[in-house]
Amino acid sequence: MRVVKTTQIGDRRVQLLVTPDGAFAILIEVIGPDQAWHDISMLADARLRAGEAERRYQRRVQEQHRTWAAPAVER
């Protein structure tokens, strides 16, 4: 999978990915006590079309902001 966008909010990270078959996915990860990223994504975010993927990515970033109220770092 190829990373299109990444936003990190506190100890969480939201990524917009393109799968090898051209579908889009949203990956949500959290840093665990072992300092490794752990996937906490939702199955509903696994196979999306481009327009829906961008809207869903923005929604997931907003949800993480509400959870952590920390400044985002978009890369």
Protein backbone atom coordinates (compact mmCIF):
# COMPACT_ATOMS: atom_id res chain seq x y z
CA MET A 1 0.00 0.00 0.00
CA ARG A 2 1.12 3.53 -0.76
CA VAL A 3 0.66 6.35 1.78
CA VAL A 4 -1.06 9.41 0.27
CA LYS A 5 -1.48 11.51 3.45
CA THR A 6 -0.50 11.21 7.09
CA THR A 7 -1.65 13.26 10.07
CA GLN A 8 -0.32 12.62 13.57
CA ILE A 9 -2.29 13.85 16.58
CA GLY A 10 -0.65 13.13 19.92
CA ASP A 11 0.00 9.39 20.08
CA ARG A 12 -2.34 8.62 17.17
CA ARG A 13 -1.79 8.61 13.43
CA VAL A 14 -4.32 8.69 10.58
CA GLN A 15 -3.19 7.68 7.09
CA LEU A 16 -4.87 7.72 3.69
CA LEU A 17 -3.59 4.76 1.67
CA VAL A 18 -3.96 3.48 -1.89
CA THR A 19 -4.11 -0.31 -2.19
CA PRO A 20 -2.40 -2.19 -5.05
CA ASP A 21 -5.78 -2.58 -6.84
CA GLY A 22 -6.44 1.20 -6.74
CA ALA A 23 -8.92 1.30 -3.85
CA PHE A 24 -8.39 3.64 -0.92
CA ALA A 25 -8.22 2.85 2.79
CA ILE A 26 -7.97 4.81 6.04
CA LEU A 27 -5.52 3.49 8.62
CA ILE A 28 -5.76 4.66 12.24
CA GLU A 29 -2.91 3.70 14.55
CA VAL A 30 -1.96 4.37 18.16
CA ILE A 31 1.43 4.08 19.84
CA GLY A 32 1.31 1.29 22.41
CA PRO A 33 3.31 0.83 25.60
CA ASP A 34 5.95 -0.98 23.51
CA GLN A 35 6.41 2.26 21.47
CA ALA A 36 5.19 0.49 18.30
CA TRP A 37 2.25 1.56 16.11
CA HIS A 38 -0.87 -0.59 16.56
CA ASP A 39 -3.75 -0.66 14.07
CA ILE A 40 -7.13 0.45 15.46
CA SER A 41 -8.78 1.03 12.05
CA MET A 42 -12.42 0.38 11.27
CA LEU A 43 -13.41 -2.24 8.70
CA ALA A 44 -15.74 0.30 7.10
CA ASP A 45 -12.66 2.30 6.05
CA ALA A 46 -11.00 -0.56 4.16
CA ARG A 47 -12.21 -0.21 0.54
CA LEU A 48 -13.25 3.27 -0.53
CA ARG A 49 -13.53 5.28 -3.73
CA ALA A 50 -11.36 8.38 -4.07
CA GLY A 51 -13.96 11.05 -3.18
CA GLU A 52 -15.35 9.12 -0.24
CA ALA A 53 -11.83 8.30 0.99
CA GLU A 54 -10.85 11.98 1.21
CA ARG A 55 -14.04 12.89 3.11
CA ARG A 56 -13.63 9.93 5.45
CA TYR A 57 -9.94 10.79 6.03
CA GLN A 58 -10.90 14.33 7.09
CA ARG A 59 -13.64 12.94 9.37
CA ARG A 60 -11.23 10.50 11.05
CA VAL A 61 -8.67 13.29 11.59
CA GLN A 62 -11.39 15.45 13.20
CA GLU A 63 -12.40 12.54 15.46
CA GLN A 64 -8.81 12.12 16.63
CA HIS A 65 -8.56 15.89 17.27
CA ARG A 66 -11.63 15.72 19.49
CA THR A 67 -10.08 12.77 21.32
CA TRP A 68 -6.65 14.36 21.87
CA ALA A 69 -7.04 18.15 21.42
CA ALA A 70 -3.35 18.30 20.41
CA PRO A 71 -1.96 20.14 17.38
CA ALA A 72 -1.83 18.00 14.23
CA VAL A 73 1.30 17.42 12.20
CA GLU A 74 0.39 16.77 8.56
CA ARG A 75 3.08 15.31 6.30
